[in-house]
All heavy atoms as atom14 arrays in JSON, in Angstrom:
{
  "sequence": "ADDRPILLPAGMREGIRASRVAATRSERTHTLSTCVLRGEHVVATLSL",
  "atom14_mask": [
    [1, 1, 1, 1, 1, 0, 0, 0, 0, 0, 0, 0, 0, 0],
    [1, 1, 1, 1, 1, 1, 1, 1, 0, 0, 0, 0, 0, 0],
    [1, 1, 1, 1, 1, 1, 1, 1, 0, 0, 0, 0, 0, 0],
    [1, 1, 1, 1, 1, 1, 1, 1, 1, 1, 1, 0, 0, 0],
    [1, 1, 1, 1, 1, 1, 1, 0, 0, 0, 0, 0, 0, 0],
    [1, 1, 1, 1, 1, 1, 1, 1, 0, 0, 0, 0, 0, 0],
    [1, 1, 1, 1, 1, 1, 1, 1, 0, 0, 0, 0, 0, 0],
    [1, 1, 1, 1, 1, 1, 1, 1, 0, 0, 0, 0, 0, 0],
    [1, 1, 1, 1, 1, 1, 1, 0, 0, 0, 0, 0, 0, 0],
    [1, 1, 1, 1, 1, 0, 0, 0, 0, 0, 0, 0, 0, 0],
    [1, 1, 1, 1, 0, 0, 0, 0, 0, 0, 0, 0, 0, 0],
    [1, 1, 1, 1, 1, 1, 1, 1, 0, 0, 0, 0, 0, 0],
    [1, 1, 1, 1, 1, 1, 1, 1, 1, 1, 1, 0, 0, 0],
    [1, 1, 1, 1, 1, 1, 1, 1, 1, 0, 0, 0, 0, 0],
    [1, 1, 1, 1, 0, 0, 0, 0, 0, 0, 0, 0, 0, 0],
    [1, 1, 1, 1, 1, 1, 1, 1, 0, 0, 0, 0, 0, 0],
    [1, 1, 1, 1, 1, 1, 1, 1, 1, 1, 1, 0, 0, 0],
    [1, 1, 1, 1, 1, 0, 0, 0, 0, 0, 0, 0, 0, 0],
    [1, 1, 1, 1, 1, 1, 0, 0, 0, 0, 0, 0, 0, 0],
    [1, 1, 1, 1, 1, 1, 1, 1, 1, 1, 1, 0, 0, 0],
    [1, 1, 1, 1, 1, 1, 1, 0, 0, 0, 0, 0, 0, 0],
    [1, 1, 1, 1, 1, 0, 0, 0, 0, 0, 0, 0, 0, 0],
    [1, 1, 1, 1, 1, 0, 0, 0, 0, 0, 0, 0, 0, 0],
    [1, 1, 1, 1, 1, 1, 1, 0, 0, 0, 0, 0, 0, 0],
    [1, 1, 1, 1, 1, 1, 1, 1, 1, 1, 1, 0, 0, 0],
    [1, 1, 1, 1, 1, 1, 0, 0, 0, 0, 0, 0, 0, 0],
    [1, 1, 1, 1, 1, 1, 1, 1, 1, 0, 0, 0, 0, 0],
    [1, 1, 1, 1, 1, 1, 1, 1, 1, 1, 1, 0, 0, 0],
    [1, 1, 1, 1, 1, 1, 1, 0, 0, 0, 0, 0, 0, 0],
    [1, 1, 1, 1, 1, 1, 1, 1, 1, 1, 0, 0, 0, 0],
    [1, 1, 1, 1, 1, 1, 1, 0, 0, 0, 0, 0, 0, 0],
    [1, 1, 1, 1, 1, 1, 1, 1, 0, 0, 0, 0, 0, 0],
    [1, 1, 1, 1, 1, 1, 0, 0, 0, 0, 0, 0, 0, 0],
    [1, 1, 1, 1, 1, 1, 1, 0, 0, 0, 0, 0, 0, 0],
    [1, 1, 1, 1, 1, 1, 0, 0, 0, 0, 0, 0, 0, 0],
    [1, 1, 1, 1, 1, 1, 1, 0, 0, 0, 0, 0, 0, 0],
    [1, 1, 1, 1, 1, 1, 1, 1, 0, 0, 0, 0, 0, 0],
    [1, 1, 1, 1, 1, 1, 1, 1, 1, 1, 1, 0, 0, 0],
    [1, 1, 1, 1, 0, 0, 0, 0, 0, 0, 0, 0, 0, 0],
    [1, 1, 1, 1, 1, 1, 1, 1, 1, 0, 0, 0, 0, 0],
    [1, 1, 1, 1, 1, 1, 1, 1, 1, 1, 0, 0, 0, 0],
    [1, 1, 1, 1, 1, 1, 1, 0, 0, 0, 0, 0, 0, 0],
    [1, 1, 1, 1, 1, 1, 1, 0, 0, 0, 0, 0, 0, 0],
    [1, 1, 1, 1, 1, 0, 0, 0, 0, 0, 0, 0, 0, 0],
    [1, 1, 1, 1, 1, 1, 1, 0, 0, 0, 0, 0, 0, 0],
    [1, 1, 1, 1, 1, 1, 1, 1, 0, 0, 0, 0, 0, 0],
    [1, 1, 1, 1, 1, 1, 0, 0, 0, 0, 0, 0, 0, 0],
    [1, 1, 1, 1, 1, 1, 1, 1, 0, 0, 0, 0, 0, 0]
  ],
  "atom14_positions": [
    [[77.26, 99.85, 72.6], [76.48, 99.05, 71.66], [75.24, 99.77, 71.16], [74.76, 99.5, 70.06], [76.09, 97.73, 72.33], [0.0, 0.0, 0.0], [0.0, 0.0, 0.0], [0.0, 0.0, 0.0], [0.0, 0.0, 0.0], [0.0, 0.0, 0.0], [0.0, 0.0, 0.0], [0.0, 0.0, 0.0], [0.0, 0.0, 0.0], [0.0, 0.0, 0.0]],
    [[74.73, 100.71, 71.96], [73.54, 101.47, 71.58], [73.89, 102.84, 71.01], [73.03, 103.71, 70.92], [72.63, 101.64, 72.8], [72.13, 100.3, 73.32], [71.75, 99.46, 72.49], [72.14, 100.1, 74.55], [0.0, 0.0, 0.0], [0.0, 0.0, 0.0], [0.0, 0.0, 0.0], [0.0, 0.0, 0.0], [0.0, 0.0, 0.0], [0.0, 0.0, 0.0]],
    [[75.16, 103.01, 70.63], [75.65, 104.25, 70.03], [75.62, 105.43, 71.0], [75.62, 106.59, 70.59], [74.87, 104.6, 68.77], [75.76, 105.24, 67.71], [76.99, 105.02, 67.77], [75.25, 105.96, 66.84], [0.0, 0.0, 0.0], [0.0, 0.0, 0.0], [0.0, 0.0, 0.0], [0.0, 0.0, 0.0], [0.0, 0.0, 0.0], [0.0, 0.0, 0.0]],
    [[75.62, 105.13, 72.29], [75.7, 106.19, 73.29], [77.17, 106.48, 73.6], [77.99, 105.56, 73.62], [74.98, 105.77, 74.58], [73.48, 105.57, 74.41], [72.86, 104.99, 75.65], [73.41, 103.67, 75.96], [72.89, 102.83, 76.83], [71.8, 103.16, 77.51], [73.46, 101.65, 77.05], [0.0, 0.0, 0.0], [0.0, 0.0, 0.0], [0.0, 0.0, 0.0]],
    [[77.52, 107.73, 73.84], [78.93, 108.06, 74.09], [79.45, 107.45, 75.39], [78.72, 107.36, 76.38], [78.92, 109.59, 74.17], [77.52, 109.96, 74.52], [76.65, 108.92, 73.88], [0.0, 0.0, 0.0], [0.0, 0.0, 0.0], [0.0, 0.0, 0.0], [0.0, 0.0, 0.0], [0.0, 0.0, 0.0], [0.0, 0.0, 0.0], [0.0, 0.0, 0.0]],
    [[80.7, 107.04, 75.37], [81.39, 106.54, 76.56], [82.37, 107.63, 76.96], [83.36, 107.87, 76.25], [82.13, 105.23, 76.29], [81.21, 104.19, 75.67], [82.74, 104.68, 77.58], [81.9, 102.92, 75.23], [0.0, 0.0, 0.0], [0.0, 0.0, 0.0], [0.0, 0.0, 0.0], [0.0, 0.0, 0.0], [0.0, 0.0, 0.0], [0.0, 0.0, 0.0]],
    [[82.12, 108.28, 78.06], [82.9, 109.46, 78.43], [83.68, 109.24, 79.72], [83.21, 108.57, 80.64], [81.98, 110.67, 78.6], [81.12, 111.06, 77.38], [80.18, 112.19, 77.76], [82.01, 111.45, 76.21], [0.0, 0.0, 0.0], [0.0, 0.0, 0.0], [0.0, 0.0, 0.0], [0.0, 0.0, 0.0], [0.0, 0.0, 0.0], [0.0, 0.0, 0.0]],
    [[84.86, 109.82, 79.78], [85.63, 109.9, 81.01], [85.4, 111.27, 81.64], [85.16, 112.25, 80.93], [87.12, 109.74, 80.73], [87.64, 108.39, 80.25], [89.13, 108.48, 79.97], [87.37, 107.3, 81.29], [0.0, 0.0, 0.0], [0.0, 0.0, 0.0], [0.0, 0.0, 0.0], [0.0, 0.0, 0.0], [0.0, 0.0, 0.0], [0.0, 0.0, 0.0]],
    [[85.49, 111.38, 82.96], [85.47, 112.71, 83.58], [86.57, 113.58, 82.97], [87.67, 113.08, 82.69], [85.72, 112.42, 85.06], [85.26, 111.01, 85.25], [85.58, 110.3, 83.97], [0.0, 0.0, 0.0], [0.0, 0.0, 0.0], [0.0, 0.0, 0.0], [0.0, 0.0, 0.0], [0.0, 0.0, 0.0], [0.0, 0.0, 0.0], [0.0, 0.0, 0.0]],
    [[86.28, 114.85, 82.77], [87.22, 115.74, 82.09], [88.59, 115.75, 82.76], [89.63, 115.7, 82.09], [86.64, 117.15, 82.02], [0.0, 0.0, 0.0], [0.0, 0.0, 0.0], [0.0, 0.0, 0.0], [0.0, 0.0, 0.0], [0.0, 0.0, 0.0], [0.0, 0.0, 0.0], [0.0, 0.0, 0.0], [0.0, 0.0, 0.0], [0.0, 0.0, 0.0]],
    [[88.61, 115.8, 84.1], [89.89, 115.83, 84.81], [90.69, 114.56, 84.61], [91.92, 114.62, 84.44], [0.0, 0.0, 0.0], [0.0, 0.0, 0.0], [0.0, 0.0, 0.0], [0.0, 0.0, 0.0], [0.0, 0.0, 0.0], [0.0, 0.0, 0.0], [0.0, 0.0, 0.0], [0.0, 0.0, 0.0], [0.0, 0.0, 0.0], [0.0, 0.0, 0.0]],
    [[90.02, 113.42, 84.63], [90.71, 112.15, 84.4], [91.27, 112.11, 82.99], [92.43, 111.69, 82.78], [89.76, 110.97, 84.63], [90.4, 109.61, 84.37], [89.22, 108.23, 84.53], [88.85, 108.3, 86.29], [0.0, 0.0, 0.0], [0.0, 0.0, 0.0], [0.0, 0.0, 0.0], [0.0, 0.0, 0.0], [0.0, 0.0, 0.0], [0.0, 0.0, 0.0]],
    [[90.49, 112.51, 82.01], [90.95, 112.47, 80.62], [92.17, 113.36, 80.42], [93.16, 112.95, 79.79], [89.82, 112.93, 79.69], [90.17, 112.87, 78.2], [88.95, 113.23, 77.35], [89.25, 113.07, 75.94], [89.8, 114.01, 75.18], [90.12, 115.18, 75.72], [90.04, 113.8, 73.9], [0.0, 0.0, 0.0], [0.0, 0.0, 0.0], [0.0, 0.0, 0.0]],
    [[92.14, 114.56, 80.97], [93.27, 115.48, 80.83], [94.51, 114.93, 81.52], [95.63, 115.05, 81.01], [92.9, 116.85, 81.39], [91.83, 117.57, 80.57], [91.34, 118.84, 81.25], [91.89, 119.17, 82.33], [90.42, 119.48, 80.72], [0.0, 0.0, 0.0], [0.0, 0.0, 0.0], [0.0, 0.0, 0.0], [0.0, 0.0, 0.0], [0.0, 0.0, 0.0]],
    [[94.33, 114.32, 82.69], [95.47, 113.76, 83.42], [96.12, 112.61, 82.67], [97.36, 112.51, 82.61], [0.0, 0.0, 0.0], [0.0, 0.0, 0.0], [0.0, 0.0, 0.0], [0.0, 0.0, 0.0], [0.0, 0.0, 0.0], [0.0, 0.0, 0.0], [0.0, 0.0, 0.0], [0.0, 0.0, 0.0], [0.0, 0.0, 0.0], [0.0, 0.0, 0.0]],
    [[95.3, 111.76, 82.07], [95.84, 110.63, 81.31], [96.58, 111.13, 80.07], [97.67, 110.64, 79.74], [94.71, 109.66, 80.91], [94.13, 108.99, 82.16], [95.22, 108.6, 79.94], [92.89, 108.18, 81.9], [0.0, 0.0, 0.0], [0.0, 0.0, 0.0], [0.0, 0.0, 0.0], [0.0, 0.0, 0.0], [0.0, 0.0, 0.0], [0.0, 0.0, 0.0]],
    [[96.02, 112.1, 79.39], [96.67, 112.63, 78.18], [97.99, 113.33, 78.53], [98.96, 113.25, 77.78], [95.74, 113.59, 77.45], [94.54, 112.9, 76.79], [93.68, 113.89, 76.04], [94.4, 114.46, 74.91], [94.45, 113.93, 73.69], [93.82, 112.78, 73.45], [95.11, 114.51, 72.72], [0.0, 0.0, 0.0], [0.0, 0.0, 0.0], [0.0, 0.0, 0.0]],
    [[98.02, 113.99, 79.68], [99.24, 114.7, 80.08], [100.36, 113.74, 80.46], [101.52, 113.93, 80.08], [98.93, 115.65, 81.23], [0.0, 0.0, 0.0], [0.0, 0.0, 0.0], [0.0, 0.0, 0.0], [0.0, 0.0, 0.0], [0.0, 0.0, 0.0], [0.0, 0.0, 0.0], [0.0, 0.0, 0.0], [0.0, 0.0, 0.0], [0.0, 0.0, 0.0]],
    [[100.02, 112.69, 81.2], [101.04, 111.74, 81.67], [101.25, 110.58, 80.71], [102.24, 109.86, 80.82], [100.63, 111.17, 83.03], [99.45, 110.39, 82.92], [0.0, 0.0, 0.0], [0.0, 0.0, 0.0], [0.0, 0.0, 0.0], [0.0, 0.0, 0.0], [0.0, 0.0, 0.0], [0.0, 0.0, 0.0], [0.0, 0.0, 0.0], [0.0, 0.0, 0.0]],
    [[100.29, 110.4, 79.78], [100.28, 109.29, 78.82], [100.15, 107.94, 79.52], [100.5, 106.91, 78.94], [101.53, 109.32, 77.94], [101.6, 110.5, 77.0], [102.97, 110.68, 76.41], [103.5, 109.43, 75.87], [104.81, 109.18, 75.73], [105.69, 110.08, 76.12], [105.22, 108.03, 75.23], [0.0, 0.0, 0.0], [0.0, 0.0, 0.0], [0.0, 0.0, 0.0]],
    [[99.65, 107.96, 80.75], [99.47, 106.71, 81.49], [98.15, 106.77, 82.26], [97.83, 107.77, 82.89], [100.62, 106.48, 82.49], [100.32, 105.27, 83.38], [101.93, 106.27, 81.75], [0.0, 0.0, 0.0], [0.0, 0.0, 0.0], [0.0, 0.0, 0.0], [0.0, 0.0, 0.0], [0.0, 0.0, 0.0], [0.0, 0.0, 0.0], [0.0, 0.0, 0.0]],
    [[97.39, 105.68, 82.19], [96.18, 105.52, 83.0], [96.48, 104.46, 84.07], [97.21, 103.5, 83.82], [95.01, 105.08, 82.14], [0.0, 0.0, 0.0], [0.0, 0.0, 0.0], [0.0, 0.0, 0.0], [0.0, 0.0, 0.0], [0.0, 0.0, 0.0], [0.0, 0.0, 0.0], [0.0, 0.0, 0.0], [0.0, 0.0, 0.0], [0.0, 0.0, 0.0]],
    [[95.9, 104.65, 85.25], [96.16, 103.72, 86.35], [94.86, 103.31, 87.03], [93.93, 104.13, 87.15], [97.09, 104.36, 87.37], [0.0, 0.0, 0.0], [0.0, 0.0, 0.0], [0.0, 0.0, 0.0], [0.0, 0.0, 0.0], [0.0, 0.0, 0.0], [0.0, 0.0, 0.0], [0.0, 0.0, 0.0], [0.0, 0.0, 0.0], [0.0, 0.0, 0.0]],
    [[94.8, 102.06, 87.43], [93.7, 101.59, 88.27], [94.29, 100.78, 89.4], [95.33, 100.13, 89.24], [92.7, 100.72, 87.48], [93.38, 99.64, 86.87], [91.97, 101.53, 86.42], [0.0, 0.0, 0.0], [0.0, 0.0, 0.0], [0.0, 0.0, 0.0], [0.0, 0.0, 0.0], [0.0, 0.0, 0.0], [0.0, 0.0, 0.0], [0.0, 0.0, 0.0]],
    [[93.62, 100.81, 90.55], [94.1, 100.11, 91.74], [92.97, 99.32, 92.36], [91.81, 99.72, 92.33], [94.64, 101.09, 92.78], [95.76, 101.98, 92.3], [96.12, 103.02, 93.36], [97.18, 103.9, 92.93], [97.0, 104.99, 92.19], [95.76, 105.31, 91.8], [98.01, 105.76, 91.84], [0.0, 0.0, 0.0], [0.0, 0.0, 0.0], [0.0, 0.0, 0.0]],
    [[93.31, 98.2, 92.92], [92.38, 97.45, 93.75], [93.13, 97.14, 95.05], [94.27, 97.57, 95.25], [91.93, 96.17, 93.06], [92.99, 95.24, 93.0], [0.0, 0.0, 0.0], [0.0, 0.0, 0.0], [0.0, 0.0, 0.0], [0.0, 0.0, 0.0], [0.0, 0.0, 0.0], [0.0, 0.0, 0.0], [0.0, 0.0, 0.0], [0.0, 0.0, 0.0]],
    [[92.49, 96.4, 95.91], [93.13, 96.07, 97.19], [94.4, 95.24, 96.98], [95.35, 95.35, 97.74], [92.14, 95.29, 98.07], [92.58, 95.14, 99.5], [91.49, 94.52, 100.35], [90.32, 94.89, 100.17], [91.83, 93.66, 101.18], [0.0, 0.0, 0.0], [0.0, 0.0, 0.0], [0.0, 0.0, 0.0], [0.0, 0.0, 0.0], [0.0, 0.0, 0.0]],
    [[94.43, 94.45, 95.9], [95.54, 93.53, 95.7], [96.39, 93.81, 94.47], [97.53, 93.37, 94.4], [95.01, 92.09, 95.61], [94.33, 91.62, 96.89], [93.91, 90.18, 96.75], [93.3, 89.67, 97.98], [92.85, 88.44, 98.15], [92.94, 87.58, 97.13], [92.33, 88.06, 99.29], [0.0, 0.0, 0.0], [0.0, 0.0, 0.0], [0.0, 0.0, 0.0]],
    [[95.84, 94.49, 93.48], [96.58, 94.68, 92.23], [96.6, 96.13, 91.79], [95.79, 96.95, 92.25], [95.96, 93.83, 91.1], [94.62, 94.28, 90.84], [95.96, 92.36, 91.44], [0.0, 0.0, 0.0], [0.0, 0.0, 0.0], [0.0, 0.0, 0.0], [0.0, 0.0, 0.0], [0.0, 0.0, 0.0], [0.0, 0.0, 0.0], [0.0, 0.0, 0.0]],
    [[97.53, 96.41, 90.92], [97.72, 97.77, 90.38], [98.03, 97.61, 88.89], [98.8, 96.75, 88.5], [98.89, 98.45, 91.1], [98.99, 99.91, 90.84], [99.04, 100.85, 91.85], [99.09, 100.61, 89.68], [99.16, 102.06, 91.33], [99.19, 101.93, 90.01], [0.0, 0.0, 0.0], [0.0, 0.0, 0.0], [0.0, 0.0, 0.0], [0.0, 0.0, 0.0]],
    [[97.43, 98.46, 88.06], [97.64, 98.39, 86.62], [98.0, 99.76, 86.07], [97.36, 100.76, 86.42], [96.39, 97.89, 85.88], [96.01, 96.62, 86.4], [96.64, 97.77, 84.38], [0.0, 0.0, 0.0], [0.0, 0.0, 0.0], [0.0, 0.0, 0.0], [0.0, 0.0, 0.0], [0.0, 0.0, 0.0], [0.0, 0.0, 0.0], [0.0, 0.0, 0.0]],
    [[99.02, 99.81, 85.24], [99.39, 101.0, 84.48], [99.21, 100.69, 83.0], [99.66, 99.64, 82.53], [100.85, 101.4, 84.74], [101.26, 101.78, 86.16], [102.76, 102.11, 86.19], [100.44, 102.95, 86.68], [0.0, 0.0, 0.0], [0.0, 0.0, 0.0], [0.0, 0.0, 0.0], [0.0, 0.0, 0.0], [0.0, 0.0, 0.0], [0.0, 0.0, 0.0]],
    [[98.56, 101.59, 82.27], [98.33, 101.38, 80.84], [98.65, 102.63, 80.05], [98.45, 103.75, 80.53], [96.87, 100.98, 80.57], [96.54, 99.78, 81.22], [0.0, 0.0, 0.0], [0.0, 0.0, 0.0], [0.0, 0.0, 0.0], [0.0, 0.0, 0.0], [0.0, 0.0, 0.0], [0.0, 0.0, 0.0], [0.0, 0.0, 0.0], [0.0, 0.0, 0.0]],
    [[99.13, 102.44, 78.84], [99.37, 103.54, 77.92], [98.93, 103.14, 76.53], [98.77, 101.94, 76.24], [100.86, 103.94, 77.92], [101.02, 105.18, 77.22], [101.72, 102.88, 77.25], [0.0, 0.0, 0.0], [0.0, 0.0, 0.0], [0.0, 0.0, 0.0], [0.0, 0.0, 0.0], [0.0, 0.0, 0.0], [0.0, 0.0, 0.0], [0.0, 0.0, 0.0]],
    [[98.73, 104.1, 75.67], [98.32, 103.81, 74.3], [99.53, 103.6, 73.4], [100.55, 104.28, 73.54], [97.47, 104.95, 73.74], [95.76, 104.92, 74.32], [0.0, 0.0, 0.0], [0.0, 0.0, 0.0], [0.0, 0.0, 0.0], [0.0, 0.0, 0.0], [0.0, 0.0, 0.0], [0.0, 0.0, 0.0], [0.0, 0.0, 0.0], [0.0, 0.0, 0.0]],
    [[99.4, 102.64, 72.51], [100.37, 102.47, 71.43], [99.84, 103.3, 70.27], [98.75, 103.03, 69.76], [100.5, 100.98, 71.03], [101.45, 100.83, 69.85], [100.97, 100.15, 72.22], [0.0, 0.0, 0.0], [0.0, 0.0, 0.0], [0.0, 0.0, 0.0], [0.0, 0.0, 0.0], [0.0, 0.0, 0.0], [0.0, 0.0, 0.0], [0.0, 0.0, 0.0]],
    [[100.6, 104.31, 69.88], [100.16, 105.23, 68.85], [100.99, 105.05, 67.59], [102.19, 104.8, 67.63], [100.28, 106.68, 69.33], [99.51, 107.05, 70.6], [99.84, 108.47, 71.01], [98.01, 106.9, 70.37], [0.0, 0.0, 0.0], [0.0, 0.0, 0.0], [0.0, 0.0, 0.0], [0.0, 0.0, 0.0], [0.0, 0.0, 0.0], [0.0, 0.0, 0.0]],
    [[100.32, 105.21, 66.46], [100.99, 105.28, 65.18], [100.59, 106.63, 64.6], [99.49, 106.82, 64.11], [100.53, 104.15, 64.26], [101.2, 104.13, 62.91], [102.66, 103.73, 63.02], [103.21, 103.39, 61.71], [104.49, 103.19, 61.48], [105.36, 103.28, 62.47], [104.92, 102.88, 60.28], [0.0, 0.0, 0.0], [0.0, 0.0, 0.0], [0.0, 0.0, 0.0]],
    [[101.49, 107.61, 64.73], [101.1, 108.98, 64.46], [100.14, 109.42, 65.54], [100.45, 109.35, 66.73], [0.0, 0.0, 0.0], [0.0, 0.0, 0.0], [0.0, 0.0, 0.0], [0.0, 0.0, 0.0], [0.0, 0.0, 0.0], [0.0, 0.0, 0.0], [0.0, 0.0, 0.0], [0.0, 0.0, 0.0], [0.0, 0.0, 0.0], [0.0, 0.0, 0.0]],
    [[98.92, 109.83, 65.15], [97.9, 110.23, 66.12], [96.88, 109.13, 66.33], [95.91, 109.32, 67.06], [97.2, 111.5, 65.64], [98.13, 112.71, 65.54], [97.39, 113.95, 65.08], [96.19, 113.83, 64.74], [98.0, 115.03, 65.04], [0.0, 0.0, 0.0], [0.0, 0.0, 0.0], [0.0, 0.0, 0.0], [0.0, 0.0, 0.0], [0.0, 0.0, 0.0]],
    [[97.07, 107.99, 65.71], [96.08, 106.92, 65.76], [96.4, 105.92, 66.88], [97.53, 105.5, 67.04], [96.04, 106.17, 64.43], [95.66, 107.03, 63.26], [94.35, 107.33, 62.97], [96.42, 107.65, 62.33], [94.32, 108.1, 61.9], [95.55, 108.32, 61.49], [0.0, 0.0, 0.0], [0.0, 0.0, 0.0], [0.0, 0.0, 0.0], [0.0, 0.0, 0.0]],
    [[95.36, 105.53, 67.62], [95.49, 104.51, 68.65], [95.39, 103.14, 67.98], [94.38, 102.82, 67.37], [94.38, 104.63, 69.71], [94.5, 103.52, 70.75], [94.43, 106.0, 70.38], [0.0, 0.0, 0.0], [0.0, 0.0, 0.0], [0.0, 0.0, 0.0], [0.0, 0.0, 0.0], [0.0, 0.0, 0.0], [0.0, 0.0, 0.0], [0.0, 0.0, 0.0]],
    [[96.44, 102.34, 68.09], [96.41, 101.0, 67.5], [96.36, 99.9, 68.55], [96.03, 98.76, 68.24], [97.63, 100.76, 66.56], [97.56, 101.68, 65.37], [98.95, 100.94, 67.3], [0.0, 0.0, 0.0], [0.0, 0.0, 0.0], [0.0, 0.0, 0.0], [0.0, 0.0, 0.0], [0.0, 0.0, 0.0], [0.0, 0.0, 0.0], [0.0, 0.0, 0.0]],
    [[96.67, 100.23, 69.81], [96.63, 99.23, 70.89], [96.84, 99.93, 72.21], [97.15, 101.13, 72.26], [97.7, 98.16, 70.68], [0.0, 0.0, 0.0], [0.0, 0.0, 0.0], [0.0, 0.0, 0.0], [0.0, 0.0, 0.0], [0.0, 0.0, 0.0], [0.0, 0.0, 0.0], [0.0, 0.0, 0.0], [0.0, 0.0, 0.0], [0.0, 0.0, 0.0]],
    [[96.66, 99.18, 73.29], [97.07, 99.64, 74.62], [98.06, 98.62, 75.17], [97.96, 97.43, 74.89], [95.89, 99.78, 75.58], [95.28, 98.51, 75.78], [94.87, 100.78, 75.05], [0.0, 0.0, 0.0], [0.0, 0.0, 0.0], [0.0, 0.0, 0.0], [0.0, 0.0, 0.0], [0.0, 0.0, 0.0], [0.0, 0.0, 0.0], [0.0, 0.0, 0.0]],
    [[99.02, 99.11, 75.93], [100.04, 98.27, 76.55], [99.96, 98.48, 78.06], [99.91, 99.63, 78.52], [101.42, 98.66, 76.03], [102.62, 97.85, 76.53], [102.52, 96.39, 76.08], [103.92, 98.47, 76.02], [0.0, 0.0, 0.0], [0.0, 0.0, 0.0], [0.0, 0.0, 0.0], [0.0, 0.0, 0.0], [0.0, 0.0, 0.0], [0.0, 0.0, 0.0]],
    [[99.95, 97.4, 78.82], [99.73, 97.5, 80.27], [100.74, 96.7, 81.07], [101.22, 95.66, 80.64], [98.32, 96.99, 80.63], [97.32, 97.68, 79.92], [0.0, 0.0, 0.0], [0.0, 0.0, 0.0], [0.0, 0.0, 0.0], [0.0, 0.0, 0.0], [0.0, 0.0, 0.0], [0.0, 0.0, 0.0], [0.0, 0.0, 0.0], [0.0, 0.0, 0.0]],
    [[101.03, 97.24, 82.27], [101.8, 96.54, 83.3], [100.86, 96.24, 84.46], [100.14, 97.13, 84.92], [102.96, 97.4, 83.78], [104.17, 97.55, 82.87], [105.13, 98.58, 83.43], [104.89, 96.2, 82.7], [0.0, 0.0, 0.0], [0.0, 0.0, 0.0], [0.0, 0.0, 0.0], [0.0, 0.0, 0.0], [0.0, 0.0, 0.0], [0.0, 0.0, 0.0]]
  ]
}
């Protein structure tokens, strides 16, 4: 909101781009997400 960059750690960003999947875990739940792309444009994310 203050126009400051929102950055991921470089290793995390490269891993997500390579696998095309981001994952988060908690004690009870697990989420897998990927980007819905139209060409090179991100139009949505899809998650399990």
